[in-house]
């Protein structure tokens, strides 16, 4: 079954800094996924599996969440992903940027989740109380053994992001953005 996502695309300067930082990390550590043209930096509000007609219905209703959002990037995180994970079946380690779960982001997630349920989709990943906004920078094959440089412009501070909808690709990427606000 096809998979889609309602996401927030980062403002150009933050997106460019995130892509550059992801590339630097990928050059230093064996990586399954790094940001780039087929993997734009984003914050997921929700992923879901559904047929294209359900996806169109979901996106239409999800747009009630708003157009743009102020987000606060709160630092770098590494997290082990177990073998069998729906985003990385071989497991690995994600390297990402935590986003503060503000009231506005939480409300947007709730609207998008309700819209997904109304459309009859199968929500995936962290939803509801488990919603944890973040930007995935890289999927590493294993925990890095060397130091990870901290690039403040890529991982901390305020940013603006806009609502978008796309087809979910490998490792939670979005190789095809269908629509954005």
N, C-alpha and C. Protein backbone atom coordinates (compact mmCIF):
# COMPACT_ATOMS: atom_id res chain seq x y z
N UNK A 1 0.85 -1.17 0.00
CA UNK A 1 0.00 0.00 0.00
C UNK A 1 0.90 1.24 0.00
N UNK A 2 0.54 2.24 -0.78
CA UNK A 2 1.34 3.48 -0.79
C UNK A 2 1.36 4.15 0.59
N UNK A 3 2.41 4.92 0.83
CA UNK A 3 2.56 5.64 2.10
C UNK A 3 2.80 7.11 1.81
N UNK A 4 2.20 7.95 2.63
CA UNK A 4 2.26 9.39 2.43
C UNK A 4 2.58 10.06 3.76
N UNK A 5 2.82 11.37 3.70
CA UNK A 5 3.06 12.11 4.93
C UNK A 5 2.64 13.55 4.82
N UNK A 6 2.13 14.07 5.93
CA UNK A 6 1.92 15.50 6.08
C UNK A 6 3.12 15.98 6.89
N UNK A 7 3.85 16.90 6.30
CA UNK A 7 5.14 17.31 6.87
C UNK A 7 5.24 18.83 6.89
N UNK A 8 6.28 19.31 7.54
CA UNK A 8 6.63 20.72 7.52
C UNK A 8 7.99 20.86 6.86
N UNK A 9 8.05 21.60 5.76
CA UNK A 9 9.31 21.86 5.08
C UNK A 9 9.95 23.11 5.67
N UNK A 10 11.24 23.02 5.92
CA UNK A 10 11.97 24.11 6.57
C UNK A 10 12.26 25.26 5.62
N UNK A 11 12.36 26.45 6.17
CA UNK A 11 12.72 27.63 5.38
C UNK A 11 14.05 27.37 4.69
N UNK A 12 14.28 27.99 3.51
CA UNK A 12 15.46 27.66 2.69
C UNK A 12 16.80 27.73 3.41
N UNK A 13 17.07 28.75 4.19
CA UNK A 13 18.39 28.86 4.85
C UNK A 13 18.62 27.72 5.83
N UNK A 14 17.59 27.34 6.58
CA UNK A 14 17.72 26.25 7.54
C UNK A 14 17.81 24.92 6.80
N UNK A 15 17.03 24.76 5.74
CA UNK A 15 17.11 23.53 4.94
C UNK A 15 18.50 23.37 4.35
N UNK A 16 19.07 24.44 3.79
CA UNK A 16 20.42 24.36 3.21
C UNK A 16 21.46 24.01 4.26
N UNK A 17 21.36 24.62 5.44
CA UNK A 17 22.31 24.32 6.52
C UNK A 17 22.17 22.87 6.96
N UNK A 18 20.94 22.37 7.01
CA UNK A 18 20.70 20.98 7.41
C UNK A 18 21.28 20.00 6.40
N UNK A 19 21.09 20.30 5.12
CA UNK A 19 21.63 19.43 4.06
C UNK A 19 23.16 19.42 4.10
N UNK A 20 23.76 20.57 4.27
CA UNK A 20 25.23 20.64 4.33
C UNK A 20 25.77 19.87 5.53
N UNK A 21 25.12 20.01 6.67
CA UNK A 21 25.55 19.31 7.89
C UNK A 21 25.37 17.80 7.71
N UNK A 22 24.25 17.38 7.13
CA UNK A 22 24.01 15.96 6.87
C UNK A 22 25.09 15.39 5.96
N UNK A 23 25.48 16.14 4.93
CA UNK A 23 26.53 15.68 4.01
C UNK A 23 27.87 15.53 4.73
N UNK A 24 28.18 16.47 5.62
CA UNK A 24 29.42 16.38 6.38
C UNK A 24 29.41 15.15 7.29
N UNK A 25 28.28 14.89 7.92
CA UNK A 25 28.17 13.70 8.78
C UNK A 25 28.30 12.42 7.95
N UNK A 26 27.66 12.40 6.78
CA UNK A 26 27.72 11.21 5.91
C UNK A 26 29.14 10.96 5.42
N UNK A 27 29.92 12.01 5.22
CA UNK A 27 31.30 11.85 4.77
C UNK A 27 32.17 11.25 5.87
N UNK A 28 31.77 11.43 7.12
CA UNK A 28 32.58 10.96 8.24
C UNK A 28 32.15 9.60 8.80
N UNK A 29 30.91 9.19 8.54
CA UNK A 29 30.36 7.97 9.14
C UNK A 29 29.54 7.20 8.10
N UNK A 30 29.67 5.85 8.05
CA UNK A 30 28.88 5.06 7.10
C UNK A 30 27.38 5.32 7.29
N UNK A 31 26.71 5.67 6.17
CA UNK A 31 25.35 6.16 6.22
C UNK A 31 24.44 5.42 5.24
N UNK A 32 23.22 5.09 5.69
CA UNK A 32 22.18 4.57 4.80
C UNK A 32 21.50 5.73 4.06
N UNK A 33 21.29 6.84 4.77
CA UNK A 33 20.53 7.96 4.23
C UNK A 33 21.12 9.27 4.70
N UNK A 34 21.20 10.22 3.78
CA UNK A 34 21.58 11.60 4.09
C UNK A 34 20.60 12.52 3.37
N UNK A 35 20.44 13.72 3.86
CA UNK A 35 19.54 14.68 3.24
C UNK A 35 20.05 15.09 1.87
N UNK A 36 19.12 15.48 1.00
CA UNK A 36 19.47 15.92 -0.34
C UNK A 36 18.23 16.11 -1.17
N UNK A 37 18.35 16.14 -2.50
CA UNK A 37 17.20 16.41 -3.37
C UNK A 37 16.03 15.43 -3.19
N UNK A 38 16.32 14.16 -2.95
CA UNK A 38 15.26 13.17 -2.74
C UNK A 38 14.93 12.97 -1.27
N UNK A 39 15.55 13.74 -0.42
CA UNK A 39 15.34 13.63 1.03
C UNK A 39 15.42 15.03 1.65
N UNK A 40 14.40 15.87 1.36
CA UNK A 40 14.46 17.22 1.92
C UNK A 40 14.29 17.20 3.44
N UNK A 41 14.98 18.10 4.14
CA UNK A 41 14.80 18.18 5.59
C UNK A 41 13.37 18.58 5.90
N UNK A 42 12.77 17.89 6.86
CA UNK A 42 11.38 18.15 7.20
C UNK A 42 11.08 17.70 8.62
N UNK A 43 9.95 18.16 9.11
CA UNK A 43 9.40 17.72 10.40
C UNK A 43 8.11 17.00 10.06
N UNK A 44 8.00 15.76 10.47
CA UNK A 44 6.80 14.99 10.17
C UNK A 44 5.70 15.30 11.17
N UNK A 45 4.51 15.60 10.65
CA UNK A 45 3.33 15.67 11.51
C UNK A 45 2.67 14.30 11.59
N UNK A 46 2.67 13.54 10.48
CA UNK A 46 2.16 12.18 10.50
C UNK A 46 2.44 11.49 9.17
N UNK A 47 2.77 10.22 9.23
CA UNK A 47 2.85 9.34 8.07
C UNK A 47 1.65 8.40 8.13
N UNK A 48 1.18 7.97 6.94
CA UNK A 48 0.07 7.01 6.91
C UNK A 48 0.13 6.20 5.63
N UNK A 49 -0.34 4.98 5.73
CA UNK A 49 -0.48 4.11 4.57
C UNK A 49 -1.94 4.20 4.11
N UNK A 50 -2.12 4.42 2.80
CA UNK A 50 -3.47 4.53 2.27
C UNK A 50 -3.43 4.54 0.75
N UNK A 51 -4.59 4.40 0.17
CA UNK A 51 -4.72 4.48 -1.28
C UNK A 51 -4.69 5.95 -1.71
N UNK A 52 -4.34 6.24 -2.96
CA UNK A 52 -4.25 7.63 -3.41
C UNK A 52 -5.51 8.47 -3.17
N UNK A 53 -6.68 7.89 -3.35
CA UNK A 53 -7.92 8.66 -3.11
C UNK A 53 -8.05 9.04 -1.64
N UNK A 54 -7.69 8.11 -0.74
CA UNK A 54 -7.70 8.43 0.69
C UNK A 54 -6.66 9.51 1.00
N UNK A 55 -5.50 9.43 0.34
CA UNK A 55 -4.44 10.40 0.57
C UNK A 55 -4.91 11.80 0.20
N UNK A 56 -5.61 11.92 -0.93
CA UNK A 56 -6.12 13.23 -1.35
C UNK A 56 -7.14 13.77 -0.35
N UNK A 57 -7.99 12.90 0.15
CA UNK A 57 -8.98 13.30 1.16
C UNK A 57 -8.28 13.73 2.44
N UNK A 58 -7.27 12.97 2.85
CA UNK A 58 -6.51 13.28 4.06
C UNK A 58 -5.84 14.65 3.93
N UNK A 59 -5.14 14.87 2.82
CA UNK A 59 -4.43 16.13 2.62
C UNK A 59 -5.41 17.31 2.63
N UNK A 60 -6.55 17.14 1.98
CA UNK A 60 -7.54 18.21 1.95
C UNK A 60 -7.96 18.61 3.37
N UNK A 61 -8.26 17.62 4.20
CA UNK A 61 -8.68 17.89 5.58
C UNK A 61 -7.51 18.35 6.46
N UNK A 62 -6.32 17.84 6.20
CA UNK A 62 -5.15 18.18 7.02
C UNK A 62 -4.76 19.64 6.89
N UNK A 63 -5.12 20.28 5.80
CA UNK A 63 -4.76 21.67 5.59
C UNK A 63 -5.42 22.62 6.60
N UNK A 64 -6.38 22.11 7.36
CA UNK A 64 -6.96 22.90 8.45
C UNK A 64 -5.91 23.21 9.52
N UNK A 65 -4.82 22.47 9.52
CA UNK A 65 -3.77 22.66 10.54
C UNK A 65 -3.08 24.02 10.41
N UNK A 66 -3.09 24.61 9.22
CA UNK A 66 -2.45 25.91 9.02
C UNK A 66 -1.45 25.87 7.88
N UNK A 67 -0.82 27.02 7.62
CA UNK A 67 0.13 27.12 6.51
C UNK A 67 1.58 27.07 6.95
N UNK A 68 1.93 27.93 7.90
CA UNK A 68 3.31 28.00 8.37
C UNK A 68 3.36 27.91 9.89
N UNK A 69 4.50 27.47 10.37
CA UNK A 69 4.67 27.25 11.80
C UNK A 69 6.04 27.74 12.22
N UNK A 70 6.09 28.34 13.39
CA UNK A 70 7.36 28.67 14.01
C UNK A 70 7.79 27.44 14.81
N UNK A 71 9.03 27.02 14.60
CA UNK A 71 9.55 25.85 15.30
C UNK A 71 10.84 26.23 16.00
N UNK A 72 11.15 25.50 17.04
CA UNK A 72 12.39 25.74 17.80
C UNK A 72 13.21 24.46 17.78
N UNK A 73 14.38 24.53 17.15
CA UNK A 73 15.29 23.38 17.09
C UNK A 73 16.07 23.33 18.39
N UNK A 74 16.12 22.14 18.99
CA UNK A 74 16.62 22.04 20.36
C UNK A 74 17.83 21.13 20.51
N UNK A 75 18.57 20.87 19.47
CA UNK A 75 19.80 20.10 19.63
C UNK A 75 19.80 18.75 18.95
N UNK A 76 20.97 18.18 18.88
CA UNK A 76 21.24 16.93 18.18
C UNK A 76 20.92 15.72 19.06
N UNK A 77 20.43 14.65 18.42
CA UNK A 77 20.14 13.41 19.13
C UNK A 77 20.52 12.23 18.25
N UNK A 78 21.10 11.20 18.86
CA UNK A 78 21.36 9.91 18.21
C UNK A 78 20.47 8.88 18.87
N UNK A 79 19.85 8.02 18.05
CA UNK A 79 18.94 7.03 18.62
C UNK A 79 19.04 5.73 17.83
N UNK A 80 19.19 4.63 18.55
CA UNK A 80 19.25 3.32 17.91
C UNK A 80 17.89 2.93 17.36
N UNK A 81 17.89 2.35 16.16
CA UNK A 81 16.67 1.87 15.51
C UNK A 81 16.80 0.35 15.41
N UNK A 82 15.85 -0.39 15.99
CA UNK A 82 15.97 -1.85 15.97
C UNK A 82 15.73 -2.44 14.58
N UNK A 83 16.32 -3.61 14.35
CA UNK A 83 16.07 -4.36 13.12
C UNK A 83 14.57 -4.62 13.05
N UNK A 84 14.00 -4.49 11.85
CA UNK A 84 12.57 -4.70 11.66
C UNK A 84 11.75 -3.42 11.70
N UNK A 85 12.38 -2.30 11.95
CA UNK A 85 11.68 -1.02 11.98
C UNK A 85 11.07 -0.73 10.60
N UNK A 86 9.86 -0.15 10.57
CA UNK A 86 9.19 0.08 9.29
C UNK A 86 9.88 1.13 8.42
N UNK A 87 10.74 1.95 8.99
CA UNK A 87 11.46 2.95 8.21
C UNK A 87 12.85 2.46 7.80
N UNK A 88 13.47 1.63 8.60
CA UNK A 88 14.79 1.09 8.33
C UNK A 88 14.80 -0.38 8.74
N UNK A 89 14.34 -1.28 7.85
CA UNK A 89 14.23 -2.70 8.21
C UNK A 89 15.53 -3.33 8.72
N UNK A 90 16.68 -2.81 8.27
CA UNK A 90 17.97 -3.35 8.71
C UNK A 90 18.45 -2.73 10.02
N UNK A 91 17.64 -1.85 10.60
CA UNK A 91 18.04 -1.17 11.83
C UNK A 91 19.01 -0.05 11.52
N UNK A 92 19.75 0.37 12.52
CA UNK A 92 20.72 1.44 12.35
C UNK A 92 20.62 2.45 13.47
N UNK A 93 21.08 3.65 13.20
CA UNK A 93 21.09 4.73 14.18
C UNK A 93 20.65 6.00 13.47
N UNK A 94 19.64 6.65 14.01
CA UNK A 94 19.26 7.94 13.44
C UNK A 94 20.05 9.05 14.11
N UNK A 95 20.35 10.05 13.32
CA UNK A 95 20.95 11.27 13.82
C UNK A 95 19.98 12.37 13.42
N UNK A 96 19.47 13.08 14.41
CA UNK A 96 18.47 14.08 14.09
C UNK A 96 18.52 15.28 15.00
N UNK A 97 17.61 16.18 14.73
CA UNK A 97 17.46 17.41 15.49
C UNK A 97 16.11 17.38 16.18
N UNK A 98 16.12 17.45 17.49
CA UNK A 98 14.86 17.52 18.22
C UNK A 98 14.21 18.88 18.00
N UNK A 99 12.90 18.85 17.92
CA UNK A 99 12.09 20.07 17.80
C UNK A 99 11.23 20.15 19.06
N UNK A 100 11.17 21.31 19.67
CA UNK A 100 10.34 21.47 20.86
C UNK A 100 8.88 21.24 20.48
N UNK A 101 8.22 20.37 21.24
CA UNK A 101 6.81 20.03 20.99
C UNK A 101 5.93 21.14 21.55
N UNK A 102 5.80 22.21 20.79
CA UNK A 102 5.01 23.36 21.21
C UNK A 102 3.52 23.04 21.13
N UNK A 103 2.73 23.88 21.75
CA UNK A 103 1.28 23.72 21.70
C UNK A 103 0.79 23.79 20.26
N UNK A 104 1.37 24.70 19.46
CA UNK A 104 0.95 24.84 18.06
C UNK A 104 1.28 23.59 17.24
N UNK A 105 2.48 23.02 17.44
CA UNK A 105 2.83 21.79 16.72
C UNK A 105 1.98 20.63 17.18
N UNK A 106 1.75 20.54 18.47
CA UNK A 106 0.92 19.46 18.98
C UNK A 106 -0.51 19.56 18.42
N UNK A 107 -1.04 20.77 18.38
CA UNK A 107 -2.39 20.97 17.84
C UNK A 107 -2.43 20.60 16.35
N UNK A 108 -1.42 21.00 15.59
CA UNK A 108 -1.35 20.64 14.18
C UNK A 108 -1.30 19.12 14.01
N UNK A 109 -0.50 18.46 14.84
CA UNK A 109 -0.44 16.99 14.77
C UNK A 109 -1.80 16.37 15.04
N UNK A 110 -2.51 16.87 16.04
CA UNK A 110 -3.84 16.34 16.37
C UNK A 110 -4.82 16.52 15.21
N UNK A 111 -4.77 17.68 14.54
CA UNK A 111 -5.64 17.92 13.38
C UNK A 111 -5.31 16.95 12.26
N UNK A 112 -4.02 16.78 11.98
CA UNK A 112 -3.58 15.89 10.90
C UNK A 112 -3.91 14.44 11.23
N UNK A 113 -3.76 14.04 12.48
CA UNK A 113 -4.10 12.67 12.90
C UNK A 113 -5.60 12.44 12.77
N UNK A 114 -6.42 13.38 13.21
CA UNK A 114 -7.88 13.25 13.08
C UNK A 114 -8.28 13.17 11.61
N UNK A 115 -7.66 13.98 10.77
CA UNK A 115 -7.95 13.96 9.34
C UNK A 115 -7.58 12.61 8.73
N UNK A 116 -6.45 12.04 9.17
CA UNK A 116 -6.02 10.72 8.67
C UNK A 116 -7.03 9.64 9.06
N UNK A 117 -7.51 9.70 10.28
CA UNK A 117 -8.49 8.71 10.73
C UNK A 117 -9.81 8.87 9.99
N UNK A 118 -10.23 10.13 9.78
CA UNK A 118 -11.47 10.39 9.03
C UNK A 118 -11.39 9.85 7.60
N UNK A 119 -10.21 9.92 7.01
CA UNK A 119 -10.01 9.44 5.64
C UNK A 119 -9.82 7.92 5.57
N UNK A 120 -9.74 7.26 6.72
CA UNK A 120 -9.59 5.81 6.75
C UNK A 120 -8.18 5.31 6.49
N UNK A 121 -7.19 6.13 6.76
CA UNK A 121 -5.80 5.72 6.55
C UNK A 121 -5.30 4.89 7.74
N UNK A 122 -4.11 4.32 7.57
CA UNK A 122 -3.45 3.62 8.67
C UNK A 122 -2.26 4.46 9.13
N UNK A 123 -2.44 5.26 10.21
CA UNK A 123 -1.31 6.06 10.70
C UNK A 123 -0.11 5.19 11.05
N UNK A 124 1.08 5.74 10.81
CA UNK A 124 2.33 5.03 11.06
C UNK A 124 3.19 5.84 12.02
N UNK A 125 4.12 5.16 12.65
CA UNK A 125 5.13 5.83 13.46
C UNK A 125 4.58 6.45 14.72
N UNK A 126 5.26 7.47 15.18
CA UNK A 126 4.93 8.11 16.46
C UNK A 126 3.74 9.05 16.28
N UNK A 127 2.60 8.63 16.83
CA UNK A 127 1.37 9.41 16.71
C UNK A 127 0.72 9.57 18.08
N UNK A 128 -0.11 10.58 18.18
CA UNK A 128 -0.81 10.83 19.44
C UNK A 128 0.16 11.21 20.54
N UNK A 129 0.06 10.53 21.67
CA UNK A 129 0.93 10.84 22.81
C UNK A 129 2.41 10.58 22.51
N UNK A 130 2.69 9.74 21.51
CA UNK A 130 4.08 9.42 21.16
C UNK A 130 4.68 10.38 20.14
N UNK A 131 3.90 11.36 19.66
CA UNK A 131 4.38 12.34 18.69
C UNK A 131 5.63 13.02 19.22
N UNK A 132 6.69 12.99 18.44
CA UNK A 132 7.97 13.57 18.83
C UNK A 132 8.56 14.29 17.62
N UNK A 133 8.28 15.59 17.49
CA UNK A 133 8.76 16.29 16.30
C UNK A 133 10.28 16.34 16.24
N UNK A 134 10.80 16.09 15.04
CA UNK A 134 12.25 16.09 14.84
C UNK A 134 12.55 16.20 13.35
N UNK A 135 13.80 16.46 13.05
CA UNK A 135 14.31 16.45 11.68
C UNK A 135 15.34 15.33 11.63
N UNK A 136 15.12 14.33 10.80
CA UNK A 136 16.12 13.28 10.63
C UNK A 136 17.18 13.78 9.65
N UNK A 137 18.42 13.81 10.11
CA UNK A 137 19.53 14.25 9.27
C UNK A 137 20.16 13.09 8.51
N UNK A 138 20.37 11.97 9.21
CA UNK A 138 21.05 10.81 8.64
C UNK A 138 20.54 9.53 9.30
N UNK A 139 20.66 8.44 8.57
CA UNK A 139 20.54 7.10 9.12
C UNK A 139 21.91 6.48 9.01
N UNK A 140 22.58 6.27 10.14
CA UNK A 140 23.89 5.64 10.16
C UNK A 140 23.73 4.13 10.25
N UNK A 141 24.74 3.41 9.77
CA UNK A 141 24.73 1.94 9.87
C UNK A 141 24.93 1.50 11.32
N UNK A 142 25.70 2.29 12.09
CA UNK A 142 25.95 1.98 13.50
C UNK A 142 26.29 3.29 14.20
N UNK A 143 26.43 3.23 15.53
CA UNK A 143 26.80 4.44 16.26
C UNK A 143 28.18 4.92 15.78
N UNK A 144 28.30 6.20 15.51
CA UNK A 144 29.61 6.73 15.11
C UNK A 144 30.65 6.48 16.21
N UNK A 145 31.86 6.15 15.78
CA UNK A 145 32.92 5.90 16.74
C UNK A 145 33.76 7.14 17.00
N UNK A 146 33.70 8.08 16.11
CA UNK A 146 34.46 9.32 16.29
C UNK A 146 33.56 10.45 16.75
N UNK A 147 34.15 11.60 16.97
CA UNK A 147 33.36 12.75 17.42
C UNK A 147 32.39 13.23 16.34
N UNK A 148 31.28 13.76 16.78
CA UNK A 148 30.31 14.37 15.88
C UNK A 148 30.37 15.87 16.10
N UNK A 149 30.75 16.62 15.09
CA UNK A 149 30.81 18.07 15.26
C UNK A 149 29.41 18.63 15.46
N UNK A 150 29.30 19.65 16.26
CA UNK A 150 28.03 20.30 16.51
C UNK A 150 27.97 21.56 15.65
N UNK A 151 27.05 21.59 14.71
CA UNK A 151 26.91 22.74 13.81
C UNK A 151 25.66 23.52 14.22
N UNK A 152 25.85 24.52 15.06
CA UNK A 152 24.72 25.26 15.63
C UNK A 152 23.72 25.77 14.59
N UNK A 153 24.14 26.31 13.43
CA UNK A 153 23.14 26.79 12.48
C UNK A 153 22.22 25.69 11.96
N UNK A 154 22.68 24.44 11.99
CA UNK A 154 21.87 23.34 11.48
C UNK A 154 21.00 22.70 12.56
N UNK A 155 21.35 22.86 13.83
CA UNK A 155 20.66 22.07 14.85
C UNK A 155 20.01 22.85 15.99
N UNK A 156 20.14 24.15 16.03
CA UNK A 156 19.51 24.86 17.14
C UNK A 156 18.98 26.22 16.69
N UNK A 157 17.99 26.68 17.41
CA UNK A 157 17.44 28.00 17.15
C UNK A 157 16.08 27.96 16.50
N UNK A 158 15.47 29.13 16.36
CA UNK A 158 14.13 29.21 15.76
C UNK A 158 14.19 29.06 14.25
N UNK A 159 13.08 28.62 13.68
CA UNK A 159 12.95 28.48 12.24
C UNK A 159 11.47 28.56 11.89
N UNK A 160 11.21 28.70 10.62
CA UNK A 160 9.84 28.68 10.12
C UNK A 160 9.72 27.50 9.17
N UNK A 161 8.56 26.85 9.19
CA UNK A 161 8.32 25.71 8.32
C UNK A 161 6.92 25.81 7.75
N UNK A 162 6.75 25.26 6.54
CA UNK A 162 5.44 25.33 5.88
C UNK A 162 4.87 23.93 5.66
N UNK A 163 3.55 23.85 5.71
CA UNK A 163 2.84 22.58 5.58
C UNK A 163 3.01 22.04 4.16
N UNK A 164 3.24 20.73 4.06
CA UNK A 164 3.39 20.08 2.76
C UNK A 164 2.90 18.64 2.85
N UNK A 165 2.74 18.02 1.68
CA UNK A 165 2.25 16.65 1.59
C UNK A 165 3.06 15.94 0.52
N UNK A 166 3.48 14.70 0.81
CA UNK A 166 4.26 13.98 -0.17
C UNK A 166 4.18 12.48 -0.01
N UNK A 167 4.82 11.80 -0.95
CA UNK A 167 4.93 10.34 -0.91
C UNK A 167 6.13 9.97 -0.04
N UNK A 168 5.91 9.04 0.86
CA UNK A 168 6.95 8.59 1.77
C UNK A 168 7.89 7.64 1.04
N UNK A 169 9.18 7.90 1.15
CA UNK A 169 10.20 7.07 0.54
C UNK A 169 10.98 6.31 1.59
N UNK A 170 12.12 5.73 1.18
CA UNK A 170 12.95 4.97 2.12
C UNK A 170 13.44 5.84 3.28
N UNK A 171 13.53 5.25 4.44
CA UNK A 171 14.08 5.89 5.64
C UNK A 171 13.32 7.15 6.05
N UNK A 172 12.04 7.22 5.71
CA UNK A 172 11.23 8.37 6.10
C UNK A 172 11.50 9.61 5.27
N UNK A 173 12.05 9.43 4.08
CA UNK A 173 12.34 10.56 3.19
C UNK A 173 11.11 10.91 2.35
N UNK A 174 11.19 12.02 1.65
CA UNK A 174 10.10 12.45 0.77
C UNK A 174 10.65 12.81 -0.60
N UNK A 175 10.88 11.76 -1.44
CA UNK A 175 11.44 12.02 -2.76
C UNK A 175 10.48 12.78 -3.68
N UNK A 176 9.18 12.75 -3.33
CA UNK A 176 8.20 13.47 -4.16
C UNK A 176 7.25 14.26 -3.26
N UNK A 177 7.38 15.57 -3.31
CA UNK A 177 6.44 16.46 -2.62
C UNK A 177 5.29 16.68 -3.58
N UNK A 178 4.08 16.36 -3.15
CA UNK A 178 2.91 16.47 -4.01
C UNK A 178 2.32 17.87 -3.97
N UNK A 179 2.29 18.45 -2.78
CA UNK A 179 1.68 19.76 -2.61
C UNK A 179 2.27 20.43 -1.38
N UNK A 180 2.30 21.76 -1.41
CA UNK A 180 2.74 22.49 -0.22
C UNK A 180 1.97 23.80 -0.13
N UNK A 181 1.93 24.36 1.06
CA UNK A 181 1.22 25.62 1.30
C UNK A 181 2.17 26.78 1.21
